[in-house]
PDB file of N, CA and C in Angstrom:
ATOM      1  N   MET A   1       0.723  -1.205   0.035  1.00  0.00           N
ATOM      2  CA  MET A   1       0.054   0.240  -0.168  1.00  0.00           C
ATOM      3  C   MET A   1       0.518   1.217   0.027  1.00  0.00           C
ATOM      4  N   THR A   2       0.356   2.048  -0.224  1.00  0.00           N
ATOM      5  CA  THR A   2       1.184   3.563  -0.745  1.00  0.00           C
ATOM      6  C   THR A   2       0.798   4.411   0.427  1.00  0.00           C
ATOM      7  N   ILE A   3       1.518   5.340   1.223  1.00  0.00           N
ATOM      8  CA  ILE A   3       1.290   6.121   2.160  1.00  0.00           C
ATOM      9  C   ILE A   3       1.757   7.434   1.600  1.00  0.00           C
ATOM     10  N   LYS A   4       1.166   8.392   1.491  1.00  0.00           N
ATOM     11  CA  LYS A   4       1.446  10.008   1.292  1.00  0.00           C
ATOM     12  C   LYS A   4       1.850  10.614   2.348  1.00  0.00           C
ATOM     13  N   THR A   5       2.979  11.063   2.526  1.00  0.00           N
ATOM     14  CA  THR A   5       3.292  12.335   3.713  1.00  0.00           C
ATOM     15  C   THR A   5       3.651  13.637   2.998  1.00  0.00           C
ATOM     16  N   ASP A   6       3.764  14.489   3.789  1.00  0.00           N
ATOM     17  CA  ASP A   6       4.598  15.875   3.586  1.00  0.00           C
ATOM     18  C   ASP A   6       6.182  15.571   2.832  1.00  0.00           C
ATOM     19  N   HIS A   7       6.765  14.242   2.785  1.00  0.00           N
ATOM     20  CA  HIS A   7       7.863  13.940   3.212  1.00  0.00           C
ATOM     21  C   HIS A   7       8.269  12.839   1.812  1.00  0.00           C
ATOM     22  N   GLY A   8       7.193  12.389   1.372  1.00  0.00           N
ATOM     23  CA  GLY A   8       6.770  11.439   0.288  1.00  0.00           C
ATOM     24  C   GLY A   8       5.793  10.677  -0.196  1.00  0.00           C
ATOM     25  N   SER A   9       6.333   9.754  -0.918  1.00  0.00           N
ATOM     26  CA  SER A   9       4.880   8.440  -0.799  1.00  0.00           C
ATOM     27  C   SER A   9       5.826   7.472  -0.935  1.00  0.00           C
ATOM     28  N   PHE A  10       5.153   6.743   0.106  1.00  0.00           N
ATOM     29  CA  PHE A  10       6.586   5.279   0.727  1.00  0.00           C
ATOM     30  C   PHE A  10       5.353   3.985   0.020  1.00  0.00           C
ATOM     31  N   GLU A  11       6.027   3.076  -0.137  1.00  0.00           N
ATOM     32  CA  GLU A  11       5.361   1.676  -0.503  1.00  0.00           C
ATOM     33  C   GLU A  11       5.537   1.119   1.186  1.00  0.00           C
ATOM     34  N   VAL A  12       4.834   0.407   1.728  1.00  0.00           N
ATOM     35  CA  VAL A  12       4.666  -0.016   2.731  1.00  0.00           C
ATOM     36  C   VAL A  12       3.540  -1.647   2.795  1.00  0.00           C
ATOM     37  N   ARG A  13       4.142  -2.478   3.475  1.00  0.00           N
ATOM     38  CA  ARG A  13       3.537  -3.815   3.870  1.00  0.00           C
ATOM     39  C   ARG A  13       2.533  -3.622   4.554  1.00  0.00           C
ATOM     40  N   GLU A  14       1.091  -4.429   3.993  1.00  0.00           N
ATOM     41  CA  GLU A  14       0.157  -4.447   4.446  1.00  0.00           C
ATOM     42  C   GLU A  14      -0.099  -5.121   5.993  1.00  0.00           C
ATOM     43  N   LEU A  15      -1.103  -4.757   6.848  1.00  0.00           N
ATOM     44  CA  LEU A  15      -0.744  -6.115   8.115  1.00  0.00           C
ATOM     45  C   LEU A  15      -1.941  -7.250   7.651  1.00  0.00           C
ATOM     46  N   THR A  16      -1.348  -8.367   8.249  1.00  0.00           N
ATOM     47  CA  THR A  16      -2.221  -9.143   8.465  1.00  0.00           C
ATOM     48  C   THR A  16      -2.710  -9.433   9.983  1.00  0.00           C
ATOM     49  N   PHE A  17      -3.447 -10.057  10.031  1.00  0.00           N
ATOM     50  CA  PHE A  17      -4.418 -10.304  11.046  1.00  0.00           C
ATOM     51  C   PHE A  17      -3.113 -10.467  12.948  1.00  0.00           C
ATOM     52  N   ALA A  18      -1.823 -11.485  11.976  1.00  0.00           N
ATOM     53  CA  ALA A  18      -1.158 -11.475  13.430  1.00  0.00           C
ATOM     54  C   ALA A  18      -0.144 -10.313  13.695  1.00  0.00           C
ATOM     55  N   ASP A  19       0.198  -9.335  12.590  1.00  0.00           N
ATOM     56  CA  ASP A  19       0.399  -8.220  12.553  1.00  0.00           C
ATOM     57  C   ASP A  19       0.178  -7.227  13.664  1.00  0.00           C
ATOM     58  N   ARG A  20      -1.495  -7.537  13.140  1.00  0.00           N
ATOM     59  CA  ARG A  20      -2.127  -6.036  13.740  1.00  0.00           C
ATOM     60  C   ARG A  20      -2.171  -6.995  15.569  1.00  0.00           C
ATOM     61  N   ARG A  21      -2.415  -7.922  15.983  1.00  0.00           N
ATOM     62  CA  ARG A  21      -2.273  -8.316  17.269  1.00  0.00           C
ATOM     63  C   ARG A  21      -1.069  -7.932  18.028  1.00  0.00           C
ATOM     64  N   ALA A  22       0.171  -8.103  16.944  1.00  0.00           N
ATOM     65  CA  ALA A  22       1.641  -7.817  17.704  1.00  0.00           C
ATOM     66  C   ALA A  22       1.158  -6.023  17.701  1.00  0.00           C
ATOM     67  N   LEU A  23       1.002  -5.687  16.959  1.00  0.00           N
ATOM     68  CA  LEU A  23       1.182  -3.866  17.074  1.00  0.00           C
ATOM     69  C   LEU A  23       0.151  -3.746  18.194  1.00  0.00           C
ATOM     70  N   HIS A  24      -0.884  -4.165  18.320  1.00  0.00           N
ATOM     71  CA  HIS A  24      -2.350  -3.833  19.280  1.00  0.00           C
ATOM     72  C   HIS A  24      -1.235  -4.369  21.172  1.00  0.00           C
ATOM     73  N   ARG A  25      -0.685  -5.627  20.938  1.00  0.00           N
ATOM     74  CA  ARG A  25       0.149  -5.385  22.501  1.00  0.00           C
ATOM     75  C   ARG A  25       1.235  -4.556  22.733  1.00  0.00           C
ATOM     76  N   LEU A  26       2.151  -4.188  21.688  1.00  0.00           N
ATOM     77  CA  LEU A  26       2.988  -2.935  21.964  1.00  0.00           C
ATOM     78  C   LEU A  26       2.115  -1.637  22.359  1.00  0.00           C
ATOM     79  N   GLU A  27       1.301  -1.677  21.684  1.00  0.00           N
ATOM     80  CA  GLU A  27      -0.041  -0.257  21.816  1.00  0.00           C
ATOM     81  C   GLU A  27      -0.447   0.200  23.308  1.00  0.00           C
ATOM     82  N   VAL A  28      -0.750  -1.222  23.477  1.00  0.00           N
ATOM     83  CA  VAL A  28      -1.076  -1.495  25.251  1.00  0.00           C
ATOM     84  C   VAL A  28       0.163  -1.515  26.388  1.00  0.00           C
ATOM     85  N   LYS A  29       1.193  -1.739  25.671  1.00  0.00           N
ATOM     86  CA  LYS A  29       2.336  -1.588  26.553  1.00  0.00           C
ATOM     87  C   LYS A  29       2.775   0.293  26.718  1.00  0.00           C
ATOM     88  N   ALA A  30       2.361   0.643  25.809  1.00  0.00           N
ATOM     89  CA  ALA A  30       2.732   2.269  25.486  1.00  0.00           C
ATOM     90  C   ALA A  30       1.860   2.947  26.256  1.00  0.00           C
ATOM     91  N   VAL A  31       0.820   2.574  26.917  1.00  0.00           N
ATOM     92  CA  VAL A  31       0.005   3.337  27.324  1.00  0.00           C
ATOM     93  C   VAL A  31      -0.058   2.987  28.642  1.00  0.00           C
ATOM     94  N   ASP A  32      -0.160   3.549  30.102  1.00  0.00           N
ATOM     95  CA  ASP A  32      -0.670   3.506  31.350  1.00  0.00           C
ATOM     96  C   ASP A  32      -2.044   3.881  31.400  1.00  0.00           C
ATOM     97  N   LEU A  33      -2.539   2.145  31.366  1.00  0.00           N
ATOM     98  CA  LEU A  33      -4.106   2.222  31.752  1.00  0.00           C
ATOM     99  C   LEU A  33      -4.651   2.918  32.708  1.00  0.00           C
ATOM    100  N   LYS A  34      -4.204   3.333  33.992  1.00  0.00           N
ATOM    101  CA  LYS A  34      -4.578   3.534  35.130  1.00  0.00           C
ATOM    102  C   LYS A  34      -4.362   5.402  34.790  1.00  0.00           C
ATOM    103  N   THR A  35      -4.050   5.816  34.260  1.00  0.00           N
ATOM    104  CA  THR A  35      -3.721   7.299  34.143  1.00  0.00           C
ATOM    105  C   THR A  35      -3.964   7.680  32.559  1.00  0.00           C
ATOM    106  N   GLY A  36      -3.674   6.737  31.285  1.00  0.00           N
ATOM    107  CA  GLY A  36      -3.798   7.200  30.143  1.00  0.00           C
ATOM    108  C   GLY A  36      -2.944   7.877  29.685  1.00  0.00           C
ATOM    109  N   GLU A  37      -1.754   7.564  30.871  1.00  0.00           N
ATOM    110  CA  GLU A  37      -0.318   8.787  30.198  1.00  0.00           C
ATOM    111  C   GLU A  37       0.343   7.431  28.700  1.00  0.00           C
ATOM    112  N   MET A  38       1.094   8.535  27.766  1.00  0.00           N
ATOM    113  CA  MET A  38       1.701   7.825  27.374  1.00  0.00           C
ATOM    114  C   MET A  38       3.419   7.612  27.846  1.00  0.00           C
ATOM    115  N   ASN A  39       3.792   6.385  27.814  1.00  0.00           N
ATOM    116  CA  ASN A  39       5.121   5.822  28.063  1.00  0.00           C
ATOM    117  C   ASN A  39       6.014   6.531  26.644  1.00  0.00           C
ATOM    118  N   THR A  40       6.680   7.300  26.925  1.00  0.00           N
ATOM    119  CA  THR A  40       7.811   7.530  25.350  1.00  0.00           C
ATOM    120  C   THR A  40       8.525   6.561  24.679  1.00  0.00           C
ATOM    121  N   ASP A  41       9.421   5.813  25.652  1.00  0.00           N
ATOM    122  CA  ASP A  41      10.011   4.875  25.195  1.00  0.00           C
ATOM    123  C   ASP A  41       9.234   3.662  24.773  1.00  0.00           C
ATOM    124  N   GLU A  42       8.487   3.616  25.018  1.00  0.00           N
ATOM    125  CA  GLU A  42       7.296   2.399  24.820  1.00  0.00           C
ATOM    126  C   GLU A  42       6.922   2.978  23.208  1.00  0.00           C
ATOM    127  N   PHE A  43       6.657   4.192  23.146  1.00  0.00           N
ATOM    128  CA  PHE A  43       5.693   4.414  21.909  1.00  0.00           C
ATOM    129  C   PHE A  43       6.916   4.220  20.683  1.00  0.00           C
ATOM    130  N   TYR A  44       7.965   4.565  21.227  1.00  0.00           N
ATOM    131  CA  TYR A  44       9.143   4.777  20.331  1.00  0.00           C
ATOM    132  C   TYR A  44       9.749   3.152  19.922  1.00  0.00           C
ATOM    133  N   THR A  45       9.157   2.240  20.596  1.00  0.00           N
ATOM    134  CA  THR A  45       9.234   0.647  20.531  1.00  0.00           C
ATOM    135  C   THR A  45       8.129   0.481  19.486  1.00  0.00           C
ATOM    136  N   VAL A  46       7.004   1.120  19.345  1.00  0.00           N
ATOM    137  CA  VAL A  46       5.963   1.046  18.536  1.00  0.00           C
ATOM    138  C   VAL A  46       6.592   1.330  17.120  1.00  0.00           C
ATOM    139  N   LEU A  47       7.021   2.218  17.361  1.00  0.00           N
ATOM    140  CA  LEU A  47       7.204   2.987  15.864  1.00  0.00           C
ATOM    141  C   LEU A  47       8.310   2.096  15.183  1.00  0.00           C
ATOM    142  N   GLU A  48       9.267   1.839  16.095  1.00  0.00           N
ATOM    143  CA  GLU A  48      10.716   0.824  15.636  1.00  0.00           C
ATOM    144  C   GLU A  48       9.839  -0.519  15.275  1.00  0.00           C
ATOM    145  N   TRP A  49       8.566  -0.775  15.559  1.00  0.00           N
ATOM    146  CA  TRP A  49       8.140  -2.176  14.815  1.00  0.00           C
ATOM    147  C   TRP A  49       7.206  -1.571  13.923  1.00  0.00           C
ATOM    148  N   VAL A  50       6.697  -0.382  13.840  1.00  0.00           N
ATOM    149  CA  VAL A  50       6.016   0.016  12.309  1.00  0.00           C
ATOM    150  C   VAL A  50       7.345  -0.134  11.255  1.00  0.00           C
ATOM    151  N   MET A  51       8.173   0.902  11.887  1.00  0.00           N
ATOM    152  CA  MET A  51       9.178   0.452  10.524  1.00  0.00           C
ATOM    153  C   MET A  51       9.849  -0.732  10.245  1.00  0.00           C
ATOM    154  N   GLU A  52      10.036  -1.594  11.062  1.00  0.00           N
ATOM    155  CA  GLU A  52      10.807  -2.672  10.578  1.00  0.00           C
ATOM    156  C   GLU A  52       9.570  -3.620   9.922  1.00  0.00           C
ATOM    157  N   HIS A  53       8.402  -3.201  10.105  1.00  0.00           N
ATOM    158  CA  HIS A  53       7.678  -4.078   9.478  1.00  0.00           C
ATOM    159  C   HIS A  53       6.857  -3.717   8.160  1.00  0.00           C
ATOM    160  N   ALA A  54       7.058  -2.050   7.870  1.00  0.00           N
ATOM    161  CA  ALA A  54       6.719  -1.519   7.080  1.00  0.00           C
ATOM    162  C   ALA A  54       7.216  -1.575   5.853  1.00  0.00           C
ATOM    163  N   PHE A  55       8.685  -1.793   6.034  1.00  0.00           N
ATOM    164  CA  PHE A  55       9.656  -1.614   4.698  1.00  0.00           C
ATOM    165  C   PHE A  55      10.550  -2.574   4.799  1.00  0.00           C
ATOM    166  N   GLU A  56      10.736  -3.110   3.978  1.00  0.00           N
ATOM    167  CA  GLU A  56      11.827  -4.012   3.412  1.00  0.00           C
ATOM    168  C   GLU A  56      13.521  -3.722   4.064  1.00  0.00           C
ATOM    169  N   ASP A  57      13.564  -2.782   3.530  1.00  0.00           N
ATOM    170  CA  ASP A  57      15.059  -1.687   3.706  1.00  0.00           C
ATOM    171  C   ASP A  57      14.501  -0.342   4.184  1.00  0.00           C
ATOM    172  N   ALA A  58      14.357  -0.563   5.645  1.00  0.00           N
ATOM    173  CA  ALA A  58      14.030   0.843   6.076  1.00  0.00           C
ATOM    174  C   ALA A  58      15.070   2.312   5.877  1.00  0.00           C
ATOM    175  N   GLU A  59      16.183   1.658   5.568  1.00  0.00           N
ATOM    176  CA  GLU A  59      17.753   2.164   5.600  1.00  0.00           C
ATOM    177  C   GLU A  59      17.393   3.163   4.537  1.00  0.00           C
ATOM    178  N   LYS A  60      17.256   1.905   3.353  1.00  0.00           N
ATOM    179  CA  LYS A  60      17.140   2.599   1.837  1.00  0.00           C
ATOM    180  C   LYS A  60      15.921   3.474   1.947  1.00  0.00           C
ATOM    181  N   ALA A  61      14.573   3.466   2.596  1.00  0.00           N
ATOM    182  CA  ALA A  61      13.532   4.060   2.393  1.00  0.00           C
ATOM    183  C   ALA A  61      13.665   5.334   3.169  1.00  0.00           C
ATOM    184  N   LEU A  62      14.292   5.601   4.335  1.00  0.00           N
ATOM    185  CA  LEU A  62      14.186   6.651   5.068  1.00  0.00           C
ATOM    186  C   LEU A  62      15.692   7.578   5.204  1.00  0.00           C
ATOM    187  N   ALA A  63      16.627   7.034   5.037  1.00  0.00           N
ATOM    188  CA  ALA A  63      17.625   7.568   5.179  1.00  0.00           C
ATOM    189  C   ALA A  63      18.110   8.913   4.760  1.00  0.00           C
ATOM    190  N   HIS A  64      17.552   9.383   3.691  1.00  0.00           N
ATOM    191  CA  HIS A  64      17.421  11.129   2.922  1.00  0.00           C
ATOM    192  C   HIS A  64      16.825  11.889   4.229  1.00  0.00           C
ATOM    193  N   LEU A  65      15.926  11.390   4.923  1.00  0.00           N
ATOM    194  CA  LEU A  65      15.274  12.290   6.221  1.00  0.00           C
ATOM    195  C   LEU A  65      15.871  12.154   7.402  1.00  0.00           C
ATOM    196  N   ASP A  66      15.716  13.616   7.987  1.00  0.00           N
ATOM    197  CA  ASP A  66      16.304  13.567   9.439  1.00  0.00           C
ATOM    198  C   ASP A  66      15.175  12.729  10.455  1.00  0.00           C
ATOM    199  N   ASP A  67      15.595  12.564  11.332  1.00  0.00           N
ATOM    200  CA  ASP A  67      15.066  12.095  12.871  1.00  0.00           C
ATOM    201  C   ASP A  67      13.426  12.074  12.725  1.00  0.00           C
ATOM    202  N   ASN A  68      13.538  13.831  12.806  1.00  0.00           N
ATOM    203  CA  ASN A  68      11.898  14.321  13.102  1.00  0.00           C
ATOM    204  C   ASN A  68      11.111  13.698  11.807  1.00  0.00           C
ATOM    205  N   LYS A  69      11.800  14.006  10.847  1.00  0.00           N
ATOM    206  CA  LYS A  69      10.941  13.525   9.615  1.00  0.00           C
ATOM    207  C   LYS A  69      10.409  12.126   9.535  1.00  0.00           C
ATOM    208  N   ILE A  70      11.174  11.251   9.993  1.00  0.00           N
ATOM    209  CA  ILE A  70      11.389   9.731  10.003  1.00  0.00           C
ATOM    210  C   ILE A  70      10.157   9.499  11.036  1.00  0.00           C
ATOM    211  N   ASP A  71      10.458   9.984  12.211  1.00  0.00           N
ATOM    212  CA  ASP A  71       9.190  10.019  13.348  1.00  0.00           C
ATOM    213  C   ASP A  71       7.565  10.191  12.369  1.00  0.00           C
ATOM    214  N   GLU A  72       7.440  11.520  11.614  1.00  0.00           N
ATOM    215  CA  GLU A  72       6.453  11.554  11.191  1.00  0.00           C
ATOM    216  C   GLU A  72       6.025  10.856  10.153  1.00  0.00           C
ATOM    217  N   VAL A  73       6.752  10.224   9.121  1.00  0.00           N
ATOM    218  CA  VAL A  73       6.564   9.460   8.266  1.00  0.00           C
ATOM    219  C   VAL A  73       6.306   8.079   8.918  1.00  0.00           C
ATOM    220  N   LEU A  74       7.054   7.449   9.871  1.00  0.00           N
ATOM    221  CA  LEU A  74       6.495   6.464  10.838  1.00  0.00           C
ATOM    222  C   LEU A  74       4.856   6.797  11.430  1.00  0.00           C
ATOM    223  N   ILE A  75       4.469   7.665  12.171  1.00  0.00           N
ATOM    224  CA  ILE A  75       3.438   8.353  12.327  1.00  0.00           C
ATOM    225  C   ILE A  75       2.473   8.090  11.454  1.00  0.00           C
ATOM    226  N   ALA A  76       2.869   8.394  10.307  1.00  0.00           N
ATOM    227  CA  ALA A  76       1.698   8.455   9.016  1.00  0.00           C
ATOM    228  C   ALA A  76       1.684   7.119   8.766  1.00  0.00           C
ATOM    229  N   ILE A  77       2.390   6.228   9.085  1.00  0.00           N
ATOM    230  CA  ILE A  77       2.023   4.726   8.651  1.00  0.00           C
ATOM    231  C   ILE A  77       1.378   4.014   9.909  1.00  0.00           C
ATOM    232  N   TYR A  78       1.551   4.145  10.884  1.00  0.00           N
ATOM    233  CA  TYR A  78       1.036   3.873  12.091  1.00  0.00           C
ATOM    234  C   TYR A  78      -0.423   4.228  11.907  1.00  0.00           C
ATOM    235  N   ASN A  79      -0.720   5.753  11.836  1.00  0.00           N
ATOM    236  CA  ASN A  79      -2.388   5.914  11.667  1.00  0.00           C
ATOM    237  C   ASN A  79      -3.035   5.508  10.656  1.00  0.00           C
ATOM    238  N   LYS A  80      -1.767   5.293   9.492  1.00  0.00           N
ATOM    239  CA  LYS A  80      -2.920   3.828   7.963  1.00  0.00           C
ATOM    240  C   LYS A  80      -3.345   2.777   8.537  1.00  0.00           C
ATOM    241  N   TYR A  81      -2.235   2.343   9.368  1.00  0.00           N
ATOM    242  CA  TYR A  81      -2.117   1.039   9.823  1.00  0.00           C
ATOM    243  C   TYR A  81      -3.523   0.838  10.559  1.00  0.00           C
ATOM    244  N   LYS A  82      -3.725   1.820  11.849  1.00  0.00           N
ATOM    245  CA  LYS A  82      -5.048   1.711  12.688  1.00  0.00           C
ATOM    246  C   LYS A  82      -6.209   2.105  12.062  1.00  0.00           C
ATOM    247  N   GLN A  83      -6.162   3.072  10.511  1.00  0.00           N
ATOM    248  CA  GLN A  83      -7.233   3.459  10.294  1.00  0.00           C
ATOM    249  C   GLN A  83      -7.453   2.438   9.551  1.00  0.00           C
ATOM    250  N   GLY A  84      -7.022   1.420   8.940  1.00  0.00           N
ATOM    251  CA  GLY A  84      -7.217   0.455   8.305  1.00  0.00           C
ATOM    252  C   GLY A  84      -8.077  -0.767   8.865  1.00  0.00           C
ATOM    253  N   VAL A  85      -7.819  -0.641  10.595  1.00  0.00           N
ATOM    254  CA  VAL A  85      -8.268  -1.544  11.528  1.00  0.00           C
ATOM    255  C   VAL A  85      -9.975  -1.162  12.082  1.00  0.00           C
ATOM    256  N   ALA A  86     -10.229  -0.110  11.928  1.00  0.00           N
ATOM    257  CA  ALA A  86     -11.222   0.718  12.044  1.00  0.00           C
ATOM    258  C   ALA A  86     -12.340   0.248  11.275  1.00  0.00           C
ATOM    259  N   LYS A  87     -11.739   0.338   9.939  1.00  0.00           N
ATOM    260  CA  LYS A  87     -12.396   0.195   8.577  1.00  0.00           C
ATOM    261  C   LYS A  87     -12.866  -1.406   8.523  1.00  0.00           C
ATOM    262  N   LYS A  88     -12.210  -2.183   8.994  1.00  0.00           N
ATOM    263  CA  LYS A  88     -12.326  -3.668   8.888  1.00  0.00           C
ATOM    264  C   LYS A  88     -13.287  -4.065   9.957  1.00  0.00           C
ATOM    265  N   LYS A  89     -13.612  -2.987  11.544  1.00  0.00           N
ATOM    266  CA  LYS A  89     -14.578  -3.430  12.284  1.00  0.00           C
ATOM    267  C   LYS A  89     -15.703  -3.313  11.901  1.00  0.00           C
ATOM    268  N   ASN A  90     -16.052  -2.388  10.778  1.00  0.00           N
ATOM    269  CA  ASN A  90     -17.491  -1.900  10.709  1.00  0.00           C
ATOM    270  C   ASN A  90     -17.965  -2.833   9.121  1.00  0.00           C
TER     271      ASN A  90
END
């Protein structure tokens, strides 16, 4: 699937059911369920998972961007993955 961002268009892998569940486990770890606070370190673990899953060669796809732009691209991919899950529920 193609993800369009302010930093370019990127071809990324689709999520399978197993991938979706793995991502969900990481998301749950990233949020304190009592306070709703985001654990930044765990959120970056989510983004690393997204990067490793989305790209066959993340370095080749993203090396031309600075770290903040890479994070923006990964968040866009994450949001697209989550949007796809919401559509499947309906």
